Structure formats: C-alpha cells, structure tokens
C-alpha cells in the first residue's frame, strides 16, 4: 500500500496510508482527514500540491 505525505490546514505534515479519491476525476486536491497532531478533521492536501 502506498503512503501519501499530506499537509493539514494547520500546517502539520504527516503521512497516510489512504488518501480518498486519488483518481483523475476529482474536484480538487484537498480531502478531509483526521490530523494526528491536532486530532481534528482538517482539510488536507498532498505535499506536492501545497501552495503557500
């Protein structure tokens, strides 16, 4: 299983085993995931897509 490195809306970087809807047909790069650092559901994007 491939792991994906993501960044949550608070700026925490972590890896996840599943990143929902990783297909060519998606509405945007962000997904709701539970961040292990802040323990809340946060909008998360793969690190390659994170723009500041």
PDB file of N, CA and C in Angstrom:
ATOM      1  N   UNK A   1       0.841  -1.173   0.000  1.00  0.00           N
ATOM      2  CA  UNK A   1       0.000   0.000   0.000  1.00  0.00           C
ATOM      3  C   UNK A   1       0.893   1.245   0.000  1.00  0.00           C
ATOM      4  N   UNK A   2       0.560   2.159  -0.860  1.00  0.00           N
ATOM      5  CA  UNK A   2       1.357   3.383  -0.998  1.00  0.00           C
ATOM      6  C   UNK A   2       0.952   4.399   0.063  1.00  0.00           C
ATOM      7  N   UNK A   3       1.932   5.053   0.648  1.00  0.00           N
ATOM      8  CA  UNK A   3       1.665   6.087   1.641  1.00  0.00           C
ATOM      9  C   UNK A   3       1.810   7.450   0.969  1.00  0.00           C
ATOM     10  N   UNK A   4       0.968   8.379   1.372  1.00  0.00           N
ATOM     11  CA  UNK A   4       0.963   9.722   0.815  1.00  0.00           C
ATOM     12  C   UNK A   4       1.303  10.714   1.913  1.00  0.00           C
ATOM     13  N   UNK A   5       2.242  11.613   1.642  1.00  0.00           N
ATOM     14  CA  UNK A   5       2.596  12.666   2.602  1.00  0.00           C
ATOM     15  C   UNK A   5       1.664  13.842   2.343  1.00  0.00           C
ATOM     16  N   UNK A   6       0.977  14.281   3.411  1.00  0.00           N
ATOM     17  CA  UNK A   6      -0.010  15.357   3.282  1.00  0.00           C
ATOM     18  C   UNK A   6       0.261  16.452   4.309  1.00  0.00           C
ATOM     19  N   UNK A   7      -0.334  17.622   4.068  1.00  0.00           N
ATOM     20  CA  UNK A   7      -0.234  18.757   4.992  1.00  0.00           C
ATOM     21  C   UNK A   7      -1.659  19.186   5.330  1.00  0.00           C
ATOM     22  N   UNK A   8      -1.965  19.321   6.629  1.00  0.00           N
ATOM     23  CA  UNK A   8      -3.306  19.747   7.030  1.00  0.00           C
ATOM     24  C   UNK A   8      -3.399  21.274   6.974  1.00  0.00           C
ATOM     25  N   UNK A   9      -4.595  21.791   7.170  1.00  0.00           N
ATOM     26  CA  UNK A   9      -4.830  23.234   7.093  1.00  0.00           C
ATOM     27  C   UNK A   9      -4.061  23.999   8.162  1.00  0.00           C
ATOM     28  N   UNK A  10      -3.684  23.341   9.250  1.00  0.00           N
ATOM     29  CA  UNK A  10      -2.906  23.985  10.309  1.00  0.00           C
ATOM     30  C   UNK A  10      -1.405  23.961  10.018  1.00  0.00           C
ATOM     31  N   UNK A  11      -0.994  23.271   8.941  1.00  0.00           N
ATOM     32  CA  UNK A  11       0.410  23.225   8.567  1.00  0.00           C
ATOM     33  C   UNK A  11       1.152  21.985   9.033  1.00  0.00           C
ATOM     34  N   UNK A  12       0.472  21.055   9.699  1.00  0.00           N
ATOM     35  CA  UNK A  12       1.121  19.830  10.159  1.00  0.00           C
ATOM     36  C   UNK A  12       1.318  18.870   8.989  1.00  0.00           C
ATOM     37  N   UNK A  13       2.502  18.292   8.883  1.00  0.00           N
ATOM     38  CA  UNK A  13       2.820  17.348   7.813  1.00  0.00           C
ATOM     39  C   UNK A  13       2.835  15.949   8.405  1.00  0.00           C
ATOM     40  N   UNK A  14       2.130  15.022   7.746  1.00  0.00           N
ATOM     41  CA  UNK A  14       2.078  13.631   8.187  1.00  0.00           C
ATOM     42  C   UNK A  14       1.821  12.747   6.985  1.00  0.00           C
ATOM     43  N   UNK A  15       1.987  11.443   7.168  1.00  0.00           N
ATOM     44  CA  UNK A  15       1.730  10.521   6.065  1.00  0.00           C
ATOM     45  C   UNK A  15       0.495   9.699   6.375  1.00  0.00           C
ATOM     46  N   UNK A  16      -0.194   9.281   5.338  1.00  0.00           N
ATOM     47  CA  UNK A  16      -1.405   8.492   5.481  1.00  0.00           C
ATOM     48  C   UNK A  16      -1.371   7.342   4.482  1.00  0.00           C
ATOM     49  N   UNK A  17      -1.932   6.210   4.882  1.00  0.00           N
ATOM     50  CA  UNK A  17      -1.956   5.039   4.002  1.00  0.00           C
ATOM     51  C   UNK A  17      -3.011   5.203   2.924  1.00  0.00           C
ATOM     52  N   UNK A  18      -4.070   5.933   3.217  1.00  0.00           N
ATOM     53  CA  UNK A  18      -5.120   6.114   2.218  1.00  0.00           C
ATOM     54  C   UNK A  18      -5.410   7.598   2.060  1.00  0.00           C
ATOM     55  N   UNK A  19      -5.502   8.017   0.834  1.00  0.00           N
ATOM     56  CA  UNK A  19      -5.888   9.396   0.532  1.00  0.00           C
ATOM     57  C   UNK A  19      -7.080   9.279  -0.400  1.00  0.00           C
ATOM     58  N   UNK A  20      -8.310   9.495   0.097  1.00  0.00           N
ATOM     59  CA  UNK A  20      -9.530   9.232  -0.669  1.00  0.00           C
ATOM     60  C   UNK A  20      -9.560   9.918  -2.026  1.00  0.00           C
ATOM     61  N   UNK A  21     -10.130   9.228  -2.984  1.00  0.00           N
ATOM     62  CA  UNK A  21     -10.356   9.738  -4.348  1.00  0.00           C
ATOM     63  C   UNK A  21      -9.070  10.153  -5.048  1.00  0.00           C
ATOM     64  N   UNK A  22      -8.043   9.323  -5.002  1.00  0.00           N
ATOM     65  CA  UNK A  22      -6.819   9.623  -5.742  1.00  0.00           C
ATOM     66  C   UNK A  22      -6.973   9.112  -7.166  1.00  0.00           C
ATOM     67  N   UNK A  23      -7.838   9.721  -7.917  1.00  0.00           N
ATOM     68  CA  UNK A  23      -8.060   9.340  -9.310  1.00  0.00           C
ATOM     69  C   UNK A  23      -7.926  10.575 -10.181  1.00  0.00           C
ATOM     70  N   UNK A  24      -8.099  10.382 -11.461  1.00  0.00           N
ATOM     71  CA  UNK A  24      -8.014  11.523 -12.370  1.00  0.00           C
ATOM     72  C   UNK A  24      -9.259  12.385 -12.295  1.00  0.00           C
ATOM     73  N   UNK A  25     -10.398  11.818 -11.843  1.00  0.00           N
ATOM     74  CA  UNK A  25     -11.644  12.578 -11.746  1.00  0.00           C
ATOM     75  C   UNK A  25     -11.871  13.011 -10.309  1.00  0.00           C
ATOM     76  N   UNK A  26     -11.445  14.200  -9.967  1.00  0.00           N
ATOM     77  CA  UNK A  26     -11.666  14.722  -8.628  1.00  0.00           C
ATOM     78  C   UNK A  26     -11.935  16.216  -8.710  1.00  0.00           C
ATOM     79  N   UNK A  27     -12.507  16.736  -7.656  1.00  0.00           N
ATOM     80  CA  UNK A  27     -12.906  18.134  -7.656  1.00  0.00           C
ATOM     81  C   UNK A  27     -11.787  19.075  -7.258  1.00  0.00           C
ATOM     82  N   UNK A  28     -10.767  18.558  -6.614  1.00  0.00           N
ATOM     83  CA  UNK A  28      -9.643  19.364  -6.175  1.00  0.00           C
ATOM     84  C   UNK A  28      -8.678  18.491  -5.404  1.00  0.00           C
ATOM     85  N   UNK A  29      -7.526  18.997  -5.043  1.00  0.00           N
ATOM     86  CA  UNK A  29      -6.532  18.160  -4.361  1.00  0.00           C
ATOM     87  C   UNK A  29      -6.821  17.941  -2.887  1.00  0.00           C
ATOM     88  N   UNK A  30      -7.672  18.737  -2.254  1.00  0.00           N
ATOM     89  CA  UNK A  30      -7.898  18.651  -0.816  1.00  0.00           C
ATOM     90  C   UNK A  30      -8.893  17.577  -0.413  1.00  0.00           C
ATOM     91  N   UNK A  31      -8.679  16.990   0.764  1.00  0.00           N
ATOM     92  CA  UNK A  31      -9.573  15.988   1.340  1.00  0.00           C
ATOM     93  C   UNK A  31      -9.678  16.217   2.838  1.00  0.00           C
ATOM     94  N   UNK A  32     -10.767  15.775   3.444  1.00  0.00           N
ATOM     95  CA  UNK A  32     -10.919  15.845   4.886  1.00  0.00           C
ATOM     96  C   UNK A  32     -10.284  14.612   5.513  1.00  0.00           C
ATOM     97  N   UNK A  33      -9.269  14.818   6.338  1.00  0.00           N
ATOM     98  CA  UNK A  33      -8.594  13.734   7.039  1.00  0.00           C
ATOM     99  C   UNK A  33      -8.422  14.130   8.499  1.00  0.00           C
ATOM    100  N   UNK A  34      -8.327  13.132   9.362  1.00  0.00           N
ATOM    101  CA  UNK A  34      -8.071  13.403  10.776  1.00  0.00           C
ATOM    102  C   UNK A  34      -6.568  13.576  10.963  1.00  0.00           C
ATOM    103  N   UNK A  35      -6.163  14.756  11.387  1.00  0.00           N
ATOM    104  CA  UNK A  35      -4.750  15.057  11.612  1.00  0.00           C
ATOM    105  C   UNK A  35      -4.311  14.416  12.933  1.00  0.00           C
ATOM    106  N   UNK A  36      -3.213  13.660  12.942  1.00  0.00           N
ATOM    107  CA  UNK A  36      -2.751  13.041  14.186  1.00  0.00           C
ATOM    108  C   UNK A  36      -2.175  14.051  15.184  1.00  0.00           C
ATOM    109  N   UNK A  37      -1.747  15.214  14.726  1.00  0.00           N
ATOM    110  CA  UNK A  37      -1.181  16.223  15.629  1.00  0.00           C
ATOM    111  C   UNK A  37      -2.253  17.010  16.365  1.00  0.00           C
ATOM    112  N   UNK A  38      -3.290  17.485  15.646  1.00  0.00           N
ATOM    113  CA  UNK A  38      -4.325  18.293  16.289  1.00  0.00           C
ATOM    114  C   UNK A  38      -5.599  17.488  16.566  1.00  0.00           C
ATOM    115  N   UNK A  39      -5.644  16.229  16.145  1.00  0.00           N
ATOM    116  CA  UNK A  39      -6.747  15.291  16.422  1.00  0.00           C
ATOM    117  C   UNK A  39      -8.114  15.807  15.978  1.00  0.00           C
ATOM    118  N   UNK A  40      -8.146  16.547  14.871  1.00  0.00           N
ATOM    119  CA  UNK A  40      -9.403  17.049  14.326  1.00  0.00           C
ATOM    120  C   UNK A  40      -9.453  16.772  12.840  1.00  0.00           C
ATOM    121  N   UNK A  41     -10.661  16.760  12.302  1.00  0.00           N
ATOM    122  CA  UNK A  41     -10.799  16.635  10.859  1.00  0.00           C
ATOM    123  C   UNK A  41     -10.361  17.951  10.231  1.00  0.00           C
ATOM    124  N   UNK A  42      -9.421  17.884   9.342  1.00  0.00           N
ATOM    125  CA  UNK A  42      -8.883  19.083   8.686  1.00  0.00           C
ATOM    126  C   UNK A  42      -8.815  18.861   7.186  1.00  0.00           C
ATOM    127  N   UNK A  43      -8.920  19.941   6.451  1.00  0.00           N
ATOM    128  CA  UNK A  43      -8.694  19.891   5.022  1.00  0.00           C
ATOM    129  C   UNK A  43      -7.217  19.601   4.812  1.00  0.00           C
ATOM    130  N   UNK A  44      -6.895  18.549   4.054  1.00  0.00           N
ATOM    131  CA  UNK A  44      -5.503  18.160   3.836  1.00  0.00           C
ATOM    132  C   UNK A  44      -5.236  18.027   2.350  1.00  0.00           C
ATOM    133  N   UNK A  45      -4.020  18.362   1.960  1.00  0.00           N
ATOM    134  CA  UNK A  45      -3.608  18.240   0.564  1.00  0.00           C
ATOM    135  C   UNK A  45      -2.269  17.512   0.509  1.00  0.00           C
ATOM    136  N   UNK A  46      -2.015  16.779  -0.579  1.00  0.00           N
ATOM    137  CA  UNK A  46      -0.692  16.178  -0.726  1.00  0.00           C
ATOM    138  C   UNK A  46       0.383  17.262  -0.721  1.00  0.00           C
ATOM    139  N   UNK A  47       1.537  16.979  -0.184  1.00  0.00           N
ATOM    140  CA  UNK A  47       2.597  17.980  -0.033  1.00  0.00           C
ATOM    141  C   UNK A  47       2.985  18.552  -1.390  1.00  0.00           C
ATOM    142  N   UNK A  48       2.949  17.781  -2.450  1.00  0.00           N
ATOM    143  CA  UNK A  48       3.283  18.289  -3.781  1.00  0.00           C
ATOM    144  C   UNK A  48       2.326  19.361  -4.249  1.00  0.00           C
ATOM    145  N   UNK A  49       1.079  19.360  -3.763  1.00  0.00           N
ATOM    146  CA  UNK A  49       0.073  20.342  -4.173  1.00  0.00           C
ATOM    147  C   UNK A  49       0.015  21.550  -3.240  1.00  0.00           C
ATOM    148  N   UNK A  50       0.630  21.451  -2.073  1.00  0.00           N
ATOM    149  CA  UNK A  50       0.528  22.526  -1.077  1.00  0.00           C
ATOM    150  C   UNK A  50       1.194  23.793  -1.580  1.00  0.00           C
ATOM    151  N   UNK A  51       0.425  24.848  -1.701  1.00  0.00           N
ATOM    152  CA  UNK A  51       0.947  26.141  -2.146  1.00  0.00           C
ATOM    153  C   UNK A  51       0.690  27.158  -1.057  1.00  0.00           C
ATOM    154  N   UNK A  52       1.671  27.955  -0.738  1.00  0.00           N
ATOM    155  CA  UNK A  52       1.502  28.988   0.285  1.00  0.00           C
ATOM    156  C   UNK A  52       1.779  30.329  -0.291  1.00  0.00           C
TER     157      UNK A  52
END
